[in-house]
Protein backbone atom coordinates (compact mmCIF):
# COMPACT_ATOMS: atom_id res chain seq x y z
CA MET A 1 20.06 52.87 -15.16
CA ASP A 2 20.76 48.78 -14.15
CA THR A 3 18.90 46.86 -11.08
CA GLN A 4 20.67 45.88 -8.05
CA GLN A 5 20.90 42.14 -7.73
CA VAL A 6 20.52 41.27 -3.88
CA SER A 7 21.51 37.87 -3.24
CA ALA A 8 18.72 36.12 -1.17
CA PRO A 9 20.66 34.40 2.64
CA PRO A 10 21.27 31.05 2.57
CA ARG A 11 18.71 28.81 3.27
CA ALA A 12 19.16 26.80 7.29
CA PRO A 13 19.11 22.75 5.57
CA SER A 14 16.33 21.07 6.56
CA ALA A 15 17.70 17.80 8.98
CA GLY A 16 20.92 17.36 9.87
CA VAL A 17 23.54 20.05 12.05
CA VAL A 18 23.16 23.55 12.21
CA HIS A 19 26.00 25.23 13.34
CA ILE A 20 25.67 29.48 15.26
CA ASN A 21 28.83 30.14 15.80
CA ILE A 22 29.83 33.35 17.63
CA ARG A 23 33.35 35.04 16.87
CA LEU A 24 35.61 34.23 19.33
CA THR A 25 37.83 36.36 21.20
CA ASP A 26 39.33 35.47 23.97
CA GLY A 27 39.41 31.53 25.97
CA TYR A 28 39.18 29.78 22.73
CA THR A 29 41.75 26.43 21.06
CA ILE A 30 42.33 26.18 17.30
CA ILE A 31 42.31 21.50 16.63
CA SER A 32 42.88 20.55 13.99
CA ASN A 33 39.99 18.74 11.98
CA ARG A 34 42.29 15.31 12.07
CA LEU A 35 41.43 14.95 15.56
CA SER A 36 38.17 15.92 16.16
CA GLN A 37 36.91 13.21 12.61
CA HIS A 38 39.97 11.16 13.49
CA ARG A 39 37.57 7.25 13.11
CA GLY A 40 40.32 6.02 14.05
CA LEU A 41 39.87 7.05 17.62
CA SER A 42 36.85 7.29 20.40
CA LEU A 43 35.14 10.17 21.23
CA LEU A 44 36.13 9.82 24.96
CA ALA A 45 39.84 9.95 23.35
CA ILE A 46 38.88 13.00 20.81
CA GLY A 47 37.93 14.71 23.44
CA LEU A 48 40.38 14.23 25.75
CA SER A 49 42.66 15.24 24.11
CA ALA A 50 40.81 18.43 22.66
CA HIS A 51 40.73 18.81 27.05
CA ILE A 52 44.86 18.42 26.90
CA GLN A 53 45.69 21.02 24.11
CA SER A 54 43.75 23.96 25.77
CA LEU A 55 45.39 23.79 29.07
CA PRO A 56 48.66 25.80 29.29
CA ASP A 57 52.30 24.17 29.11
CA GLY A 58 52.83 22.72 32.81
CA TRP A 59 49.43 21.79 33.90
CA ARG A 60 49.06 18.48 35.34
CA ILE A 61 46.97 15.64 33.10
CA GLY A 62 48.61 12.35 34.98
CA VAL A 63 45.39 9.83 34.76
CA LYS A 64 44.70 10.33 38.47
CA ALA A 65 44.88 14.23 38.22
CA LEU A 66 42.26 13.58 35.08
CA ALA A 67 40.42 11.09 37.34
CA ALA A 68 40.00 14.04 40.04
CA ARG A 69 38.94 15.89 37.13
CA PHE A 70 36.18 14.24 35.39
CA PRO A 71 33.37 11.57 35.57
CA GLU A 72 35.69 8.97 34.22
CA SER A 73 37.12 5.83 35.89
CA GLU A 74 41.33 5.70 35.34
CA VAL A 75 40.87 2.61 33.28
CA ARG A 76 38.47 4.55 30.86
CA ILE A 77 41.05 7.25 30.86
CA ALA A 78 44.71 5.56 31.15
CA ALA A 79 42.66 3.25 27.64
CA ALA A 80 41.47 7.31 25.74
CA LEU A 81 45.68 8.29 26.78
CA ARG A 82 46.71 5.07 25.15
CA GLU A 83 44.61 5.57 22.10
CA LEU A 84 46.34 8.82 21.25
CA GLU A 85 50.03 7.53 21.50
CA GLN A 86 48.96 4.86 18.94
CA HIS A 87 47.55 7.47 16.54
CA GLY A 88 50.50 10.44 17.60
CA PHE A 89 48.40 12.76 19.13
CA LEU A 90 50.60 12.18 22.52
CA ARG A 91 53.82 11.06 23.44
CA ARG A 92 54.81 10.52 26.83
CA THR A 93 58.55 10.61 28.46
CA ARG A 94 60.60 9.81 31.94
CA VAL A 95 63.05 12.33 32.98
CA ARG A 96 64.99 13.41 35.53
CA VAL A 97 64.03 15.95 37.95
CA GLY A 98 66.70 16.35 40.43
CA GLY A 99 67.31 13.97 43.33
CA GLY A 100 67.17 11.13 42.28
CA LYS A 101 63.44 11.73 40.76
CA LEU A 102 61.69 10.58 37.84
CA ALA A 103 58.68 12.72 35.85
CA THR A 104 56.36 11.94 33.18
CA ARG A 105 56.95 14.83 30.42
CA THR A 106 53.81 14.40 28.09
CA GLU A 107 54.25 16.32 24.67
CA SER A 108 50.24 16.95 22.70
CA TYR A 109 50.66 17.59 18.96
CA ASN A 110 47.69 18.89 16.59
CA HIS A 111 49.03 17.57 13.38
CA PRO A 112 51.08 14.24 14.13
CA GLU A 113 51.75 13.79 11.02
CA ALA A 114 53.88 17.90 10.64
CA ALA A 115 56.03 16.83 13.89
CA VAL A 116 56.86 13.54 12.08
CA ARG A 117 58.18 15.02 8.92
CA GLY A 118 59.13 17.82 11.12
CA ARG A 119 61.69 15.32 12.63
CA GLU A 120 63.00 13.86 9.90
CA ARG A 121 64.34 16.72 8.61
CA VAL A 122 65.75 17.93 11.40
CA ARG A 123 67.06 14.26 11.01
CA ALA A 124 68.27 14.44 7.72
CA ALA A 125 70.12 18.39 8.75
CA ALA A 126 72.23 16.91 10.99
CA PRO A 127 76.41 16.99 9.84
CA VAL A 128 77.28 13.61 9.36
CA VAL A 129 80.29 12.82 11.47
CA PRO A 130 82.64 10.31 9.17
CA ALA A 131 84.38 7.53 11.13
CA VAL A 132 87.88 7.89 12.22
CA PRO A 133 89.63 4.55 11.68
CA VAL A 134 91.10 3.43 15.14
CA PRO A 135 95.22 2.56 14.44
CA ALA A 136 96.19 -0.84 15.65
CA PRO A 137 97.46 -1.06 19.08
CA VAL A 138 101.44 -1.19 19.41
CA SER A 139 103.25 -3.07 22.39
CA LEU A 140 105.62 -0.88 23.72
CA PRO A 141 108.41 -1.87 26.33
CA ALA A 142 107.00 -2.87 30.21
CA VAL A 143 108.31 0.69 32.18
CA GLU A 144 108.43 0.46 35.49
CA ALA A 145 105.18 3.42 37.70
CA GLU A 146 106.68 5.82 38.82
CA PRO A 147 104.03 6.65 41.92
CA VAL A 148 101.81 9.03 41.30
CA ALA A 149 100.40 11.95 43.55
CA ALA A 150 96.83 11.05 44.62
CA ALA A 151 95.16 13.44 43.14
CA GLU A 152 92.31 15.85 44.81
CA PRO A 153 89.03 15.10 45.05
CA VAL A 154 86.93 17.08 42.27
CA ARG A 155 83.89 18.57 43.74
CA VAL A 156 80.85 18.42 41.17
CA PRO A 157 78.27 20.37 42.40
CA ALA A 158 74.84 19.24 43.32
CA PRO A 159 71.71 19.68 41.14
CA GLU A 160 69.43 22.37 42.04
CA PRO A 161 66.20 21.75 44.00
CA VAL A 162 63.30 21.60 41.51
CA PRO A 163 60.55 24.19 42.67
CA ALA A 164 57.33 23.37 44.61
CA SER A 165 55.10 24.81 42.55
CA ALA A 166 56.63 23.08 39.05
CA PRO A 167 54.40 20.41 37.91
CA VAL A 168 55.88 17.32 38.36
CA ASP A 169 53.91 14.34 37.87
CA PRO A 170 54.10 11.57 40.27
CA VAL A 171 55.19 7.71 39.62
CA PRO A 172 52.67 6.10 39.69
CA GLY A 173 52.98 2.67 41.36
CA PRO A 174 51.23 -0.86 41.25
CA ARG A 175 47.16 -1.63 40.69
CA LEU A 176 45.74 -3.10 43.42
CA VAL A 177 43.21 -4.71 40.23
CA PRO A 178 42.78 -8.42 40.45
CA THR A 179 43.31 -10.37 37.71
CA PRO A 180 40.41 -11.27 35.73
CA THR A 181 41.10 -15.31 37.11
CA ALA A 182 40.43 -14.25 40.38
CA PRO A 183 38.70 -16.27 42.67
CA ARG A 184 35.15 -15.17 43.31
CA LYS A 185 33.94 -16.07 46.85
CA PRO A 186 31.69 -19.25 47.54
CA ARG A 187 28.16 -18.49 47.08
CA LEU A 188 25.96 -18.22 50.71
CA PRO A 189 23.41 -21.22 50.12
CA LEU A 190 19.88 -20.89 51.23
CA PRO A 191 18.96 -21.26 54.92
CA ALA A 192 15.88 -23.73 55.81
CA PRO A 193 13.32 -23.87 58.76
CA GLN A 194 14.69 -26.14 61.40
CA GLN A 195 11.14 -27.59 61.69
CA PRO A 196 9.29 -27.41 58.66
CA THR A 197 5.53 -27.11 58.96
CA GLU A 198 2.90 -26.61 55.79
CA ALA A 199 1.89 -23.60 57.69
CA LEU A 200 5.25 -21.71 57.80
CA TYR A 201 6.07 -22.17 54.08
CA ALA A 202 2.09 -21.09 53.14
CA ALA A 203 3.14 -17.93 55.46
CA ALA A 204 6.73 -18.04 53.83
CA ALA A 205 4.40 -18.36 49.79
CA ASP A 206 2.01 -15.52 50.76
CA LEU A 207 4.94 -13.09 51.72
CA LEU A 208 7.42 -13.41 47.83
CA ALA A 209 3.84 -13.14 46.20
CA GLY A 210 2.78 -9.92 47.83
CA LEU A 211 6.29 -8.33 47.08
CA PRO A 212 5.01 -5.86 44.54
CA LYS A 213 2.45 -4.32 46.31
CA THR A 214 5.24 -2.10 48.61
CA ALA A 215 7.76 -2.95 45.75
CA PRO A 216 7.15 -3.19 42.28
CA ALA A 217 10.37 -3.96 41.21
CA PHE A 218 10.41 -7.48 43.13
CA LEU A 219 7.65 -9.07 41.03
CA LEU A 220 8.58 -13.02 41.28
CA SER A 221 7.76 -16.06 38.47
CA GLY A 222 6.13 -19.15 40.38
CA GLU A 223 9.30 -21.04 40.59
CA ASP A 224 11.08 -18.11 41.79
CA VAL A 225 8.39 -18.13 44.73
CA ARG A 226 9.21 -21.92 45.08
CA GLY A 227 12.43 -21.98 45.47
CA LEU A 228 12.89 -18.89 47.48
CA VAL A 229 10.57 -19.99 50.04
CA PRO A 230 12.79 -22.06 51.87
CA GLY A 231 14.87 -19.50 52.97
CA VAL A 232 11.77 -16.59 53.84
CA ALA A 233 10.93 -19.50 56.29
CA ALA A 234 13.91 -20.05 58.16
CA TRP A 235 13.13 -15.77 58.91
CA LEU A 236 9.88 -17.03 60.14
CA GLU A 237 10.94 -19.83 61.64
CA ARG A 238 13.57 -17.41 63.99
CA GLY A 239 10.55 -15.40 64.86
CA ALA A 240 11.56 -11.93 61.90
CA ARG A 241 7.98 -10.14 61.97
CA PRO A 242 6.65 -10.82 58.42
CA ASP A 243 6.83 -6.96 57.30
CA ALA A 244 10.64 -6.69 59.23
CA VAL A 245 11.27 -9.40 56.60
CA ARG A 246 10.13 -7.60 54.14
CA ALA A 247 12.23 -4.48 54.17
CA ALA A 248 14.97 -6.46 55.24
CA ILE A 249 15.15 -7.88 51.33
CA THR A 250 13.39 -5.01 49.19
CA ASP A 251 15.06 -2.25 50.44
CA ASP A 252 17.39 0.15 48.58
CA PRO A 253 17.73 -1.99 45.91
CA PRO A 254 19.67 -1.19 42.85
CA ALA A 255 18.85 0.61 39.91
CA PRO A 256 18.22 -0.65 37.35
CA LEU A 257 16.84 -3.97 39.03
CA ARG A 258 17.83 -6.33 36.12
CA HIS A 259 17.68 -9.87 38.68
CA PRO A 260 15.30 -9.57 41.63
CA ALA A 261 14.62 -13.37 42.27
CA LYS A 262 19.19 -13.41 42.89
CA LEU A 263 19.41 -10.85 44.84
CA LEU A 264 16.59 -11.30 47.18
CA ARG A 265 18.58 -15.26 46.90
CA HIS A 266 21.88 -12.90 48.00
CA ARG A 267 19.60 -11.06 51.69
CA LEU A 268 18.26 -14.02 52.74
CA ALA A 269 21.10 -16.31 53.12
CA ALA A 270 23.66 -13.57 53.95
CA LEU A 271 21.04 -11.17 56.31
CA LEU A 272 19.94 -14.11 58.29
CA PRO A 273 19.09 -12.95 62.21
CA ALA A 274 20.15 -15.18 65.19
CA PRO A 275 18.86 -17.92 66.30
CA LEU A 276 16.66 -17.48 69.13
CA PRO A 277 17.98 -18.38 72.45
CA ALA A 278 16.54 -21.82 73.95
CA ALA A 279 13.35 -22.08 75.63
CA ILE A 280 13.70 -22.81 79.74
CA PRO A 281 12.06 -25.84 81.00
CA VAL A 282 9.10 -24.35 83.18
CA VAL A 283 8.51 -26.82 85.60
CA PRO A 284 5.11 -27.34 86.93
CA LEU A 285 3.81 -26.69 90.26
CA GLN A 286 2.58 -30.06 92.75
CA ASN A 287 0.51 -29.99 95.52
CA CYS A 288 2.13 -31.84 98.04
CA ASP A 289 0.21 -35.50 99.43
CA ASP A 290 1.01 -33.93 102.88
CA CYS A 291 0.57 -30.63 103.60
CA ASP A 292 -1.17 -29.63 100.74
CA ARG A 293 1.21 -26.66 100.14
CA ALA A 294 2.45 -26.26 96.18
CA PHE A 295 5.85 -26.42 95.34
CA ARG A 296 7.91 -27.24 91.62
CA SER A 297 7.92 -30.72 90.47
CA SER A 298 8.08 -32.52 87.73
CA VAL A 299 6.08 -35.77 89.39
CA PRO A 300 3.82 -35.68 92.03
CA GLY A 301 4.98 -36.34 96.07
CA CYS A 302 6.09 -34.79 99.15
CA CYS A 303 7.10 -31.29 99.39
CA ARG A 304 10.67 -31.40 100.44
CA GLY A 305 9.71 -30.66 103.77
CA CYS A 306 7.48 -32.99 104.37
CA ARG A 307 9.88 -35.74 102.80
CA ASP A 308 12.50 -34.71 105.48
CA VAL A 309 9.80 -35.94 108.57
CA HIS A 310 9.17 -39.24 106.36
CA THR A 311 12.76 -40.01 106.05
CA ASP A 312 13.19 -39.69 109.87
CA ILE A 313 10.52 -41.35 111.10
CA GLY A 314 11.55 -43.91 108.64
CA GLU A 315 8.21 -44.13 106.76
CA PRO A 316 8.36 -44.19 102.79
CA CYS A 317 7.52 -41.08 100.44
CA LEU A 318 7.21 -40.27 96.74
CA THR A 319 10.48 -38.42 95.75
CA SER A 320 10.81 -34.43 94.53
CA ALA A 321 11.49 -31.66 94.19
């Protein structure tokens, strides 16, 4: 009796992808390798076409509807749809749906080449209607026209309304996107103190050099520190405390932070606090030369009461408040 030959199971490859497939009985879509392995489409376009082919007929697949469903922006989704149109996997046409409105009809193809061949076979099989020669016009004698009764107006039935549940893509309006050559706002100049002093600039330099202690992302070079010192000095001159300045210019930075010096320059200019109110001059106290009472005046002399007495008797007195 011959020994039965038992074949060993195939070994999984040591590198590359290994497919762990489970037989599906529901909830699946058959996608051609012409789409999944297409070398001219981006991965976003391939994934978007696979998603569209998995949707039921009548589903809304406008740019705004897809952008609301996925994290990609409207610009990237619109570019992917144009890729699919260029390679024949998608076809979009405008159709009238009644009431003078237009809707977008989208056709998704899983085999664009076969669809093109099918349309060509339909056109080739269509019967050709021979051209009928048009006879030359014959001139007839003029005949007086008899009055003709006015015909009754023909009633045209109104178009049937489209049910509210029917999926209709709205007509896209103009997109308010600035052109690449749109002028940019001028950059705000870096502020500077009104009365710069060495102590003020030294305090500003120490603040900038110590930023990495509380905000490690703001590690500045010596040249950056020298360039930003006037801006920090302007904040300190306006009464801002060093901890308040540090928090205002380093709080909530973008991630990743590529240009910390540029961000600091922008915040120092855009978030500059208002200047302090002008100090009211204080008039010093003086003692009256006659009554020794205290009064406020910029120069010594007599108070108002003693000045009035000296004026009445005609004696001189120093003028005061």
